[in-house]
């Protein structure tokens, strides 16, 4: 396990930090959210991330008793919502901790349950989370408020290079047609201004259902006739039909960009996103 999980409940009564361990105990459903909590909380937080393996399909995750115990003792819990991590909501509903603060990130964006759940691929999502964490940590440990504000400012400034690169690609490649095996990076693609093809196929793969014959045929044709410039491939998905599309793209000379749903070990969110964005930029430039 890696970093932490946070959950958000505005009306929740908070105990002073002295009533807990020396550090704020944070649990994150996904490690990219745990990373942001660590960046804002610094040495004052103990972060545990439940989903942290970039080789694991998050949609197939099954929890265990140790996860429930950890959540029951967490001061702050962070999770995605939009049915991406329903297992954590089930655990939270049966673990009673009146002092726990719960942050459902999708609620910060006012996202509905039918939205694309991969909301962390829009950098603005993480900035909103960072600002929320600054407030939550400051409420729990007011003596460290200046540290949290300093770390928040540092985080926002560190996003400048990422946002600048997105603007540069949008200025040069807006309206470029692209496709994907799953809508993992679609929020980023929309931010850049790409025209995204084969959405029916992507949704079927994401929901672990068989795409229709027409969706598969259309996807093949788009690749064969070079109607799309790149293919974004979810490296954490093992669907045979998704792998077939990846091989088909390579067969017809369509650049394939591998993306992941989980932050690689040892990376920050900023570096992870920037690396993938630069891969897209390089593929389009070639």
C-alpha atoms as a PDB file:
ATOM      1  CA  UNK A   1       0.000   0.000   0.000  1.00  0.00           C
ATOM      2  CA  UNK A   2       1.114   3.539  -0.619  1.00  0.00           C
ATOM      3  CA  UNK A   3      -0.487   6.786   0.432  1.00  0.00           C
ATOM      4  CA  UNK A   4      -3.871   7.854   1.699  1.00  0.00           C
ATOM      5  CA  UNK A   5      -7.574   8.155   1.358  1.00  0.00           C
ATOM      6  CA  UNK A   6      -9.725  11.124   2.372  1.00  0.00           C
ATOM      7  CA  UNK A   7     -13.406  11.552   2.906  1.00  0.00           C
ATOM      8  CA  UNK A   8     -15.176  14.860   3.412  1.00  0.00           C
ATOM      9  CA  UNK A   9     -18.051  15.732   5.716  1.00  0.00           C
ATOM     10  CA  UNK A  10     -18.509  19.453   6.432  1.00  0.00           C
ATOM     11  CA  UNK A  11     -20.717  19.040   9.456  1.00  0.00           C
ATOM     12  CA  UNK A  12     -18.366  16.636  11.189  1.00  0.00           C
ATOM     13  CA  UNK A  13     -16.999  17.467  14.661  1.00  0.00           C
ATOM     14  CA  UNK A  14     -13.218  17.318  14.695  1.00  0.00           C
ATOM     15  CA  UNK A  15     -11.109  16.257  17.637  1.00  0.00           C
ATOM     16  CA  UNK A  16      -7.853  18.154  18.184  1.00  0.00           C
ATOM     17  CA  UNK A  17      -4.763  16.519  16.757  1.00  0.00           C
ATOM     18  CA  UNK A  18      -3.518  15.727  20.257  1.00  0.00           C
ATOM     19  CA  UNK A  19      -6.439  13.315  20.674  1.00  0.00           C
ATOM     20  CA  UNK A  20      -4.988  11.191  17.866  1.00  0.00           C
ATOM     21  CA  UNK A  21      -1.518  10.060  16.982  1.00  0.00           C
ATOM     22  CA  UNK A  22       1.213  12.624  16.274  1.00  0.00           C
ATOM     23  CA  UNK A  23       0.316  12.700  12.584  1.00  0.00           C
ATOM     24  CA  UNK A  24      -3.016  13.076  10.812  1.00  0.00           C
ATOM     25  CA  UNK A  25      -4.057   9.610   9.656  1.00  0.00           C
ATOM     26  CA  UNK A  26      -5.146   9.837   6.019  1.00  0.00           C
ATOM     27  CA  UNK A  27      -6.479   7.000   3.860  1.00  0.00           C
ATOM     28  CA  UNK A  28      -6.867   7.463   0.109  1.00  0.00           C
ATOM     29  CA  UNK A  29      -8.742   5.052  -2.127  1.00  0.00           C
ATOM     30  CA  UNK A  30      -6.352   5.842  -4.997  1.00  0.00           C
ATOM     31  CA  UNK A  31      -2.692   6.760  -4.763  1.00  0.00           C
ATOM     32  CA  UNK A  32      -2.906   9.909  -6.894  1.00  0.00           C
ATOM     33  CA  UNK A  33      -5.229  11.384  -4.270  1.00  0.00           C
ATOM     34  CA  UNK A  34      -2.912  10.146  -1.548  1.00  0.00           C
ATOM     35  CA  UNK A  35      -0.051  11.893  -3.306  1.00  0.00           C
ATOM     36  CA  UNK A  36      -1.868  15.250  -3.184  1.00  0.00           C
ATOM     37  CA  UNK A  37      -2.617  14.744   0.510  1.00  0.00           C
ATOM     38  CA  UNK A  38       1.056  14.064   1.154  1.00  0.00           C
ATOM     39  CA  UNK A  39       2.127  17.126  -0.796  1.00  0.00           C
ATOM     40  CA  UNK A  40      -0.223  19.376   1.197  1.00  0.00           C
ATOM     41  CA  UNK A  41       0.189  17.724   4.603  1.00  0.00           C
ATOM     42  CA  UNK A  42       3.926  17.128   4.420  1.00  0.00           C
ATOM     43  CA  UNK A  43       5.479  15.661   7.557  1.00  0.00           C
ATOM     44  CA  UNK A  44       2.283  16.189   9.585  1.00  0.00           C
ATOM     45  CA  UNK A  45       0.310  13.434   7.836  1.00  0.00           C
ATOM     46  CA  UNK A  46       0.522   9.651   7.609  1.00  0.00           C
ATOM     47  CA  UNK A  47      -0.901   8.684   4.228  1.00  0.00           C
ATOM     48  CA  UNK A  48      -1.976   5.218   3.116  1.00  0.00           C
ATOM     49  CA  UNK A  49      -3.255   4.605  -0.423  1.00  0.00           C
ATOM     50  CA  UNK A  50      -5.361   1.493  -1.007  1.00  0.00           C
ATOM     51  CA  UNK A  51      -4.955   1.335  -4.795  1.00  0.00           C
ATOM     52  CA  UNK A  52      -1.317   1.927  -5.643  1.00  0.00           C
ATOM     53  CA  UNK A  53      -0.293  -0.849  -8.056  1.00  0.00           C
ATOM     54  CA  UNK A  54      -0.031   0.424 -11.662  1.00  0.00           C
ATOM     55  CA  UNK A  55      -0.291  -3.180 -12.900  1.00  0.00           C
ATOM     56  CA  UNK A  56      -3.651  -3.757 -11.204  1.00  0.00           C
ATOM     57  CA  UNK A  57      -7.016  -3.121 -12.851  1.00  0.00           C
ATOM     58  CA  UNK A  58      -8.799  -0.809 -10.358  1.00  0.00           C
ATOM     59  CA  UNK A  59     -12.188  -1.975 -11.613  1.00  0.00           C
ATOM     60  CA  UNK A  60     -11.425  -5.510 -10.397  1.00  0.00           C
ATOM     61  CA  UNK A  61     -10.251  -4.511  -6.909  1.00  0.00           C
ATOM     62  CA  UNK A  62     -11.660  -6.413  -3.943  1.00  0.00           C
ATOM     63  CA  UNK A  63     -11.209  -5.158  -0.413  1.00  0.00           C
ATOM     64  CA  UNK A  64     -10.285  -7.107   2.744  1.00  0.00           C
ATOM     65  CA  UNK A  65     -10.807  -6.738   6.521  1.00  0.00           C
ATOM     66  CA  UNK A  66      -7.548  -4.829   6.985  1.00  0.00           C
ATOM     67  CA  UNK A  67      -8.844  -2.077   4.700  1.00  0.00           C
ATOM     68  CA  UNK A  68     -12.027  -1.780   6.756  1.00  0.00           C
ATOM     69  CA  UNK A  69     -10.013  -1.542   9.976  1.00  0.00           C
ATOM     70  CA  UNK A  70      -7.761   1.157   8.517  1.00  0.00           C
ATOM     71  CA  UNK A  71     -10.758   3.182   7.350  1.00  0.00           C
ATOM     72  CA  UNK A  72     -12.392   2.911  10.738  1.00  0.00           C
ATOM     73  CA  UNK A  73      -9.362   4.557  12.363  1.00  0.00           C
ATOM     74  CA  UNK A  74      -8.761   7.175   9.664  1.00  0.00           C
ATOM     75  CA  UNK A  75      -9.162  10.856  10.429  1.00  0.00           C
ATOM     76  CA  UNK A  76      -9.402  11.794   6.771  1.00  0.00           C
ATOM     77  CA  UNK A  77     -10.626   9.597   3.914  1.00  0.00           C
ATOM     78  CA  UNK A  78     -10.429  10.533   0.218  1.00  0.00           C
ATOM     79  CA  UNK A  79     -12.152   8.678  -2.600  1.00  0.00           C
ATOM     80  CA  UNK A  80     -13.224   9.307  -6.168  1.00  0.00           C
ATOM     81  CA  UNK A  81     -16.945   8.530  -6.348  1.00  0.00           C
ATOM     82  CA  UNK A  82     -18.968   8.171  -9.602  1.00  0.00           C
ATOM     83  CA  UNK A  83     -19.061   4.396  -8.996  1.00  0.00           C
ATOM     84  CA  UNK A  84     -15.301   4.145  -9.511  1.00  0.00           C
ATOM     85  CA  UNK A  85     -14.606   2.944  -5.977  1.00  0.00           C
ATOM     86  CA  UNK A  86     -17.963   1.730  -4.590  1.00  0.00           C
ATOM     87  CA  UNK A  87     -16.182  -0.640  -2.216  1.00  0.00           C
ATOM     88  CA  UNK A  88     -15.059   2.246  -0.031  1.00  0.00           C
ATOM     89  CA  UNK A  89     -18.541   3.694   0.273  1.00  0.00           C
ATOM     90  CA  UNK A  90     -19.799   0.298   1.436  1.00  0.00           C
ATOM     91  CA  UNK A  91     -17.121   0.165   4.124  1.00  0.00           C
ATOM     92  CA  UNK A  92     -17.733   3.739   5.259  1.00  0.00           C
ATOM     93  CA  UNK A  93     -21.441   3.038   5.612  1.00  0.00           C
ATOM     94  CA  UNK A  94     -20.802   0.294   8.186  1.00  0.00           C
ATOM     95  CA  UNK A  95     -17.869   1.832  10.095  1.00  0.00           C
ATOM     96  CA  UNK A  96     -18.846   4.372  12.711  1.00  0.00           C
ATOM     97  CA  UNK A  97     -16.320   7.161  13.281  1.00  0.00           C
ATOM     98  CA  UNK A  98     -18.037  10.508  14.042  1.00  0.00           C
ATOM     99  CA  UNK A  99     -14.726  12.369  13.874  1.00  0.00           C
ATOM    100  CA  UNK A 100     -13.741  11.131  10.414  1.00  0.00           C
ATOM    101  CA  UNK A 101     -13.642  13.682   7.591  1.00  0.00           C
ATOM    102  CA  UNK A 102     -14.662  12.229   4.221  1.00  0.00           C
ATOM    103  CA  UNK A 103     -13.848  13.828   0.860  1.00  0.00           C
ATOM    104  CA  UNK A 104     -15.588  12.507  -2.234  1.00  0.00           C
ATOM    105  CA  UNK A 105     -13.633  14.229  -4.984  1.00  0.00           C
ATOM    106  CA  UNK A 106     -16.393  14.003  -7.597  1.00  0.00           C
ATOM    107  CA  UNK A 107     -18.633  16.070  -5.316  1.00  0.00           C
ATOM    108  CA  UNK A 108     -16.091  18.887  -5.369  1.00  0.00           C
ATOM    109  CA  UNK A 109     -16.733  19.030  -9.121  1.00  0.00           C
ATOM    110  CA  UNK A 110     -20.505  18.499  -8.821  1.00  0.00           C
ATOM    111  CA  UNK A 111     -20.199  15.481 -11.115  1.00  0.00           C
ATOM    112  CA  UNK A 112     -23.185  13.211 -11.692  1.00  0.00           C
ATOM    113  CA  UNK A 113     -23.020   9.425 -11.392  1.00  0.00           C
ATOM    114  CA  UNK A 114     -23.119   8.930 -15.171  1.00  0.00           C
ATOM    115  CA  UNK A 115     -20.037  11.097 -15.761  1.00  0.00           C
ATOM    116  CA  UNK A 116     -16.652   9.763 -16.840  1.00  0.00           C
ATOM    117  CA  UNK A 117     -15.137   8.675 -13.494  1.00  0.00           C
ATOM    118  CA  UNK A 118     -11.507   9.345 -14.483  1.00  0.00           C
ATOM    119  CA  UNK A 119     -11.721  12.940 -13.227  1.00  0.00           C
ATOM    120  CA  UNK A 120      -8.097  13.120 -12.048  1.00  0.00           C
ATOM    121  CA  UNK A 121      -6.991  13.417 -15.677  1.00  0.00           C
ATOM    122  CA  UNK A 122      -8.108  17.043 -15.494  1.00  0.00           C
ATOM    123  CA  UNK A 123      -5.455  18.918 -13.457  1.00  0.00           C
ATOM    124  CA  UNK A 124      -8.097  21.332 -12.175  1.00  0.00           C
ATOM    125  CA  UNK A 125      -9.583  18.452 -10.169  1.00  0.00           C
ATOM    126  CA  UNK A 126      -6.385  18.054  -8.211  1.00  0.00           C
ATOM    127  CA  UNK A 127      -6.087  21.773  -7.527  1.00  0.00           C
ATOM    128  CA  UNK A 128      -9.595  21.754  -6.047  1.00  0.00           C
ATOM    129  CA  UNK A 129      -8.685  18.757  -3.903  1.00  0.00           C
ATOM    130  CA  UNK A 130      -5.476  20.465  -2.739  1.00  0.00           C
ATOM    131  CA  UNK A 131      -7.453  23.532  -1.636  1.00  0.00           C
ATOM    132  CA  UNK A 132      -9.957  21.345   0.215  1.00  0.00           C
ATOM    133  CA  UNK A 133      -7.170  19.475   1.973  1.00  0.00           C
ATOM    134  CA  UNK A 134      -5.595  22.738   3.080  1.00  0.00           C
ATOM    135  CA  UNK A 135      -8.862  23.610   4.855  1.00  0.00           C
ATOM    136  CA  UNK A 136      -9.420  20.132   6.308  1.00  0.00           C
ATOM    137  CA  UNK A 137      -5.870  19.769   7.666  1.00  0.00           C
ATOM    138  CA  UNK A 138      -5.946  23.328   9.052  1.00  0.00           C
ATOM    139  CA  UNK A 139      -9.145  22.505  10.961  1.00  0.00           C
ATOM    140  CA  UNK A 140      -7.608  19.376  12.453  1.00  0.00           C
ATOM    141  CA  UNK A 141      -4.199  20.870  13.225  1.00  0.00           C
ATOM    142  CA  UNK A 142      -4.548  24.685  13.313  1.00  0.00           C
ATOM    143  CA  UNK A 143      -0.987  25.110  14.594  1.00  0.00           C
ATOM    144  CA  UNK A 144       0.216  23.869  11.184  1.00  0.00           C
ATOM    145  CA  UNK A 145      -2.017  26.164   9.127  1.00  0.00           C
ATOM    146  CA  UNK A 146       0.879  28.192   7.729  1.00  0.00           C
ATOM    147  CA  UNK A 147       2.642  25.015   6.607  1.00  0.00           C
ATOM    148  CA  UNK A 148      -0.457  23.808   4.765  1.00  0.00           C
ATOM    149  CA  UNK A 149      -0.924  27.171   3.072  1.00  0.00           C
ATOM    150  CA  UNK A 150       2.739  27.185   2.054  1.00  0.00           C
ATOM    151  CA  UNK A 151       2.471  23.661   0.641  1.00  0.00           C
ATOM    152  CA  UNK A 152      -0.722  24.556  -1.203  1.00  0.00           C
ATOM    153  CA  UNK A 153       0.967  27.542  -2.825  1.00  0.00           C
ATOM    154  CA  UNK A 154       3.912  25.343  -3.799  1.00  0.00           C
ATOM    155  CA  UNK A 155       1.556  22.772  -5.307  1.00  0.00           C
ATOM    156  CA  UNK A 156      -0.396  25.333  -7.344  1.00  0.00           C
ATOM    157  CA  UNK A 157       2.857  26.808  -8.670  1.00  0.00           C
ATOM    158  CA  UNK A 158       4.118  23.336  -9.585  1.00  0.00           C
ATOM    159  CA  UNK A 159       1.083  22.819 -11.808  1.00  0.00           C
ATOM    160  CA  UNK A 160       2.103  25.737 -14.037  1.00  0.00           C
ATOM    161  CA  UNK A 161       4.387  23.668 -16.293  1.00  0.00           C
ATOM    162  CA  UNK A 162       1.685  21.025 -16.713  1.00  0.00           C
ATOM    163  CA  UNK A 163      -0.992  23.559 -17.618  1.00  0.00           C
ATOM    164  CA  UNK A 164       1.389  25.421 -19.939  1.00  0.00           C
ATOM    165  CA  UNK A 165       2.122  22.231 -21.874  1.00  0.00           C
ATOM    166  CA  UNK A 166      -1.611  21.531 -22.237  1.00  0.00           C
ATOM    167  CA  UNK A 167      -2.161  25.014 -23.670  1.00  0.00           C
ATOM    168  CA  UNK A 168       0.732  24.567 -26.103  1.00  0.00           C
ATOM    169  CA  UNK A 169      -0.673  21.292 -27.428  1.00  0.00           C
ATOM    170  CA  UNK A 170      -4.171  22.768 -27.679  1.00  0.00           C
ATOM    171  CA  UNK A 171      -2.872  25.727 -29.678  1.00  0.00           C
ATOM    172  CA  UNK A 172      -1.122  23.405 -32.121  1.00  0.00           C
ATOM    173  CA  UNK A 173      -3.326  20.302 -32.250  1.00  0.00           C
ATOM    174  CA  UNK A 174      -6.848  21.365 -31.330  1.00  0.00           C
ATOM    175  CA  UNK A 175      -9.536  19.342 -33.180  1.00  0.00           C
ATOM    176  CA  UNK A 176      -7.103  16.477 -33.865  1.00  0.00           C
ATOM    177  CA  UNK A 177      -9.066  13.191 -34.073  1.00  0.00           C
ATOM    178  CA  UNK A 178      -7.973  10.572 -31.520  1.00  0.00           C
ATOM    179  CA  UNK A 179      -9.287   7.292 -30.175  1.00  0.00           C
ATOM    180  CA  UNK A 180      -8.873   5.197 -27.031  1.00  0.00           C
ATOM    181  CA  UNK A 181      -9.611   1.716 -25.740  1.00  0.00           C
ATOM    182  CA  UNK A 182     -11.144   3.246 -22.586  1.00  0.00           C
ATOM    183  CA  UNK A 183     -12.071   6.813 -21.565  1.00  0.00           C
ATOM    184  CA  UNK A 184      -9.216   6.958 -19.039  1.00  0.00           C
ATOM    185  CA  UNK A 185      -7.625  10.139 -20.412  1.00  0.00           C
ATOM    186  CA  UNK A 186     -10.717  11.609 -22.079  1.00  0.00           C
ATOM    187  CA  UNK A 187     -10.948  14.528 -19.641  1.00  0.00           C
ATOM    188  CA  UNK A 188      -7.412  15.493 -20.623  1.00  0.00           C
ATOM    189  CA  UNK A 189      -8.185  15.015 -24.320  1.00  0.00           C
ATOM    190  CA  UNK A 190     -11.232  17.249 -24.029  1.00  0.00           C
ATOM    191  CA  UNK A 191      -9.155  19.863 -22.241  1.00  0.00           C
ATOM    192  CA  UNK A 192      -6.677  19.838 -25.111  1.00  0.00           C
ATOM    193  CA  UNK A 193      -9.520  20.034 -27.621  1.00  0.00           C
ATOM    194  CA  UNK A 194      -9.119  16.662 -29.348  1.00  0.00           C
ATOM    195  CA  UNK A 195     -12.030  15.093 -31.210  1.00  0.00           C
ATOM    196  CA  UNK A 196     -12.580  11.762 -29.480  1.00  0.00           C
ATOM    197  CA  UNK A 197     -13.802   8.810 -31.563  1.00  0.00           C
ATOM    198  CA  UNK A 198     -15.203   5.388 -30.646  1.00  0.00           C
ATOM    199  CA  UNK A 199     -16.900   6.401 -27.400  1.00  0.00           C
ATOM    200  CA  UNK A 200     -19.369   3.489 -27.491  1.00  0.00           C
ATOM    201  CA  UNK A 201     -16.479   1.029 -27.638  1.00  0.00           C
ATOM    202  CA  UNK A 202     -14.663   2.802 -24.794  1.00  0.00           C
ATOM    203  CA  UNK A 203     -17.684   2.770 -22.494  1.00  0.00           C
ATOM    204  CA  UNK A 204     -18.297  -0.920 -23.108  1.00  0.00           C
ATOM    205  CA  UNK A 205     -14.703  -1.806 -22.181  1.00  0.00           C
ATOM    206  CA  UNK A 206     -14.805   0.423 -19.096  1.00  0.00           C
ATOM    207  CA  UNK A 207     -18.014  -1.258 -17.926  1.00  0.00           C
ATOM    208  CA  UNK A 208     -16.628  -4.760 -18.591  1.00  0.00           C
ATOM    209  CA  UNK A 209     -19.194  -5.515 -21.290  1.00  0.00           C
ATOM    210  CA  UNK A 210     -18.767  -6.660 -24.865  1.00  0.00           C
ATOM    211  CA  UNK A 211     -18.746  -3.781 -27.367  1.00  0.00           C
ATOM    212  CA  UNK A 212     -21.265  -4.104 -30.168  1.00  0.00           C
ATOM    213  CA  UNK A 213     -20.272  -5.522 -33.540  1.00  0.00           C
ATOM    214  CA  UNK A 214     -20.837  -2.121 -35.145  1.00  0.00           C
ATOM    215  CA  UNK A 215     -18.643  -0.368 -32.532  1.00  0.00           C
ATOM    216  CA  UNK A 216     -15.814  -2.847 -33.147  1.00  0.00           C
ATOM    217  CA  UNK A 217     -16.158  -2.555 -36.932  1.00  0.00           C
ATOM    218  CA  UNK A 218     -16.134   1.247 -36.750  1.00  0.00           C
ATOM    219  CA  UNK A 219     -13.059   1.211 -34.555  1.00  0.00           C
ATOM    220  CA  UNK A 220     -11.218  -1.046 -36.992  1.00  0.00           C
ATOM    221  CA  UNK A 221     -12.172   1.176 -39.900  1.00  0.00           C
ATOM    222  CA  UNK A 222     -11.048   4.345 -38.118  1.00  0.00           C
ATOM    223  CA  UNK A 223      -7.637   2.797 -37.546  1.00  0.00           C
ATOM    224  CA  UNK A 224      -7.307   1.234 -40.977  1.00  0.00           C
ATOM    225  CA  UNK A 225      -8.235   4.452 -42.787  1.00  0.00           C
ATOM    226  CA  UNK A 226      -6.172   6.661 -40.450  1.00  0.00           C
ATOM    227  CA  UNK A 227      -9.182   8.652 -39.329  1.00  0.00           C
ATOM    228  CA  UNK A 228      -7.486   9.051 -35.944  1.00  0.00           C
ATOM    229  CA  UNK A 229      -3.957  10.274 -35.306  1.00  0.00           C
ATOM    230  CA  UNK A 230      -3.196   8.414 -32.057  1.00  0.00           C
ATOM    231  CA  UNK A 231      -4.648   5.619 -29.928  1.00  0.00           C
ATOM    232  CA  UNK A 232      -4.631   5.907 -26.147  1.00  0.00           C
ATOM    233  CA  UNK A 233      -4.379   2.450 -24.615  1.00  0.00           C
ATOM    234  CA  UNK A 234      -5.149   1.612 -20.985  1.00  0.00           C
ATOM    235  CA  UNK A 235      -2.140  -0.448 -19.906  1.00  0.00           C
ATOM    236  CA  UNK A 236      -3.961  -1.711 -16.809  1.00  0.00           C
ATOM    237  CA  UNK A 237      -6.824  -3.324 -18.738  1.00  0.00           C
ATOM    238  CA  UNK A 238      -6.534  -6.925 -19.923  1.00  0.00           C
ATOM    239  CA  UNK A 239      -9.537  -7.095 -22.262  1.00  0.00           C
ATOM    240  CA  UNK A 240      -8.664  -9.174 -25.350  1.00  0.00           C
ATOM    241  CA  UNK A 241     -10.657  -6.889 -27.653  1.00  0.00           C
ATOM    242  CA  UNK A 242      -8.839  -3.814 -26.296  1.00  0.00           C
ATOM    243  CA  UNK A 243      -5.514  -5.544 -26.897  1.00  0.00           C
ATOM    244  CA  UNK A 244      -6.667  -6.408 -30.405  1.00  0.00           C
ATOM    245  CA  UNK A 245      -7.314  -2.723 -31.117  1.00  0.00           C
ATOM    246  CA  UNK A 246      -3.892  -1.817 -29.779  1.00  0.00           C
ATOM    247  CA  UNK A 247      -2.230  -4.325 -32.120  1.00  0.00           C
ATOM    248  CA  UNK A 248      -4.407  -3.168 -35.020  1.00  0.00           C
ATOM    249  CA  UNK A 249      -3.320   0.428 -34.467  1.00  0.00           C
ATOM    250  CA  UNK A 250       0.336  -0.590 -34.553  1.00  0.00           C
ATOM    251  CA  UNK A 251      -0.297  -2.642 -37.686  1.00  0.00           C
ATOM    252  CA  UNK A 252      -1.578   0.426 -39.525  1.00  0.00           C
ATOM    253  CA  UNK A 253       1.064   2.779 -38.170  1.00  0.00           C
ATOM    254  CA  UNK A 254      -1.126   4.619 -35.664  1.00  0.00           C
ATOM    255  CA  UNK A 255       0.968   5.714 -32.635  1.00  0.00           C
ATOM    256  CA  UNK A 256      -0.151   3.992 -29.420  1.00  0.00           C
ATOM    257  CA  UNK A 257       0.164   5.899 -26.153  1.00  0.00           C
ATOM    258  CA  UNK A 258      -0.034   3.771 -23.014  1.00  0.00           C
ATOM    259  CA  UNK A 259      -1.818   5.446 -20.099  1.00  0.00           C
ATOM    260  CA  UNK A 260      -2.511   4.193 -16.592  1.00  0.00           C
ATOM    261  CA  UNK A 261      -5.280   4.685 -14.062  1.00  0.00           C
ATOM    262  CA  UNK A 262      -2.885   4.485 -11.123  1.00  0.00           C
ATOM    263  CA  UNK A 263       0.077   6.764 -10.440  1.00  0.00           C
ATOM    264  CA  UNK A 264       3.418   4.948 -10.954  1.00  0.00           C
ATOM    265  CA  UNK A 265       5.509   4.304  -7.843  1.00  0.00           C
ATOM    266  CA  UNK A 266       7.930   7.066  -6.968  1.00  0.00           C
ATOM    267  CA  UNK A 267       6.182   9.650  -9.160  1.00  0.00           C
ATOM    268  CA  UNK A 268       4.289  12.786  -8.260  1.00  0.00           C
ATOM    269  CA  UNK A 269       0.965  13.546  -9.898  1.00  0.00           C
ATOM    270  CA  UNK A 270       2.564  16.452 -11.756  1.00  0.00           C
ATOM    271  CA  UNK A 271       5.393  14.356 -13.231  1.00  0.00           C
ATOM    272  CA  UNK A 272       3.059  11.473 -14.075  1.00  0.00           C
ATOM    273  CA  UNK A 273       0.676  13.671 -16.041  1.00  0.00           C
ATOM    274  CA  UNK A 274       3.442  15.678 -17.695  1.00  0.00           C
ATOM    275  CA  UNK A 275       5.155  12.494 -18.866  1.00  0.00           C
ATOM    276  CA  UNK A 276       1.976  11.222 -20.519  1.00  0.00           C
ATOM    277  CA  UNK A 277       1.176  14.604 -22.053  1.00  0.00           C
ATOM    278  CA  UNK A 278       4.675  14.841 -23.514  1.00  0.00           C
ATOM    279  CA  UNK A 279       4.247  11.345 -24.989  1.00  0.00           C
ATOM    280  CA  UNK A 280       1.089  12.544 -26.727  1.00  0.00           C
ATOM    281  CA  UNK A 281       2.841  15.664 -27.954  1.00  0.00           C
ATOM    282  CA  UNK A 282       5.779  13.655 -29.307  1.00  0.00           C
ATOM    283  CA  UNK A 283       3.498  11.208 -31.104  1.00  0.00           C
ATOM    284  CA  UNK A 284       1.582  14.013 -32.801  1.00  0.00           C
ATOM    285  CA  UNK A 285       4.777  15.839 -33.743  1.00  0.00           C
ATOM    286  CA  UNK A 286       6.189  12.746 -35.437  1.00  0.00           C
END
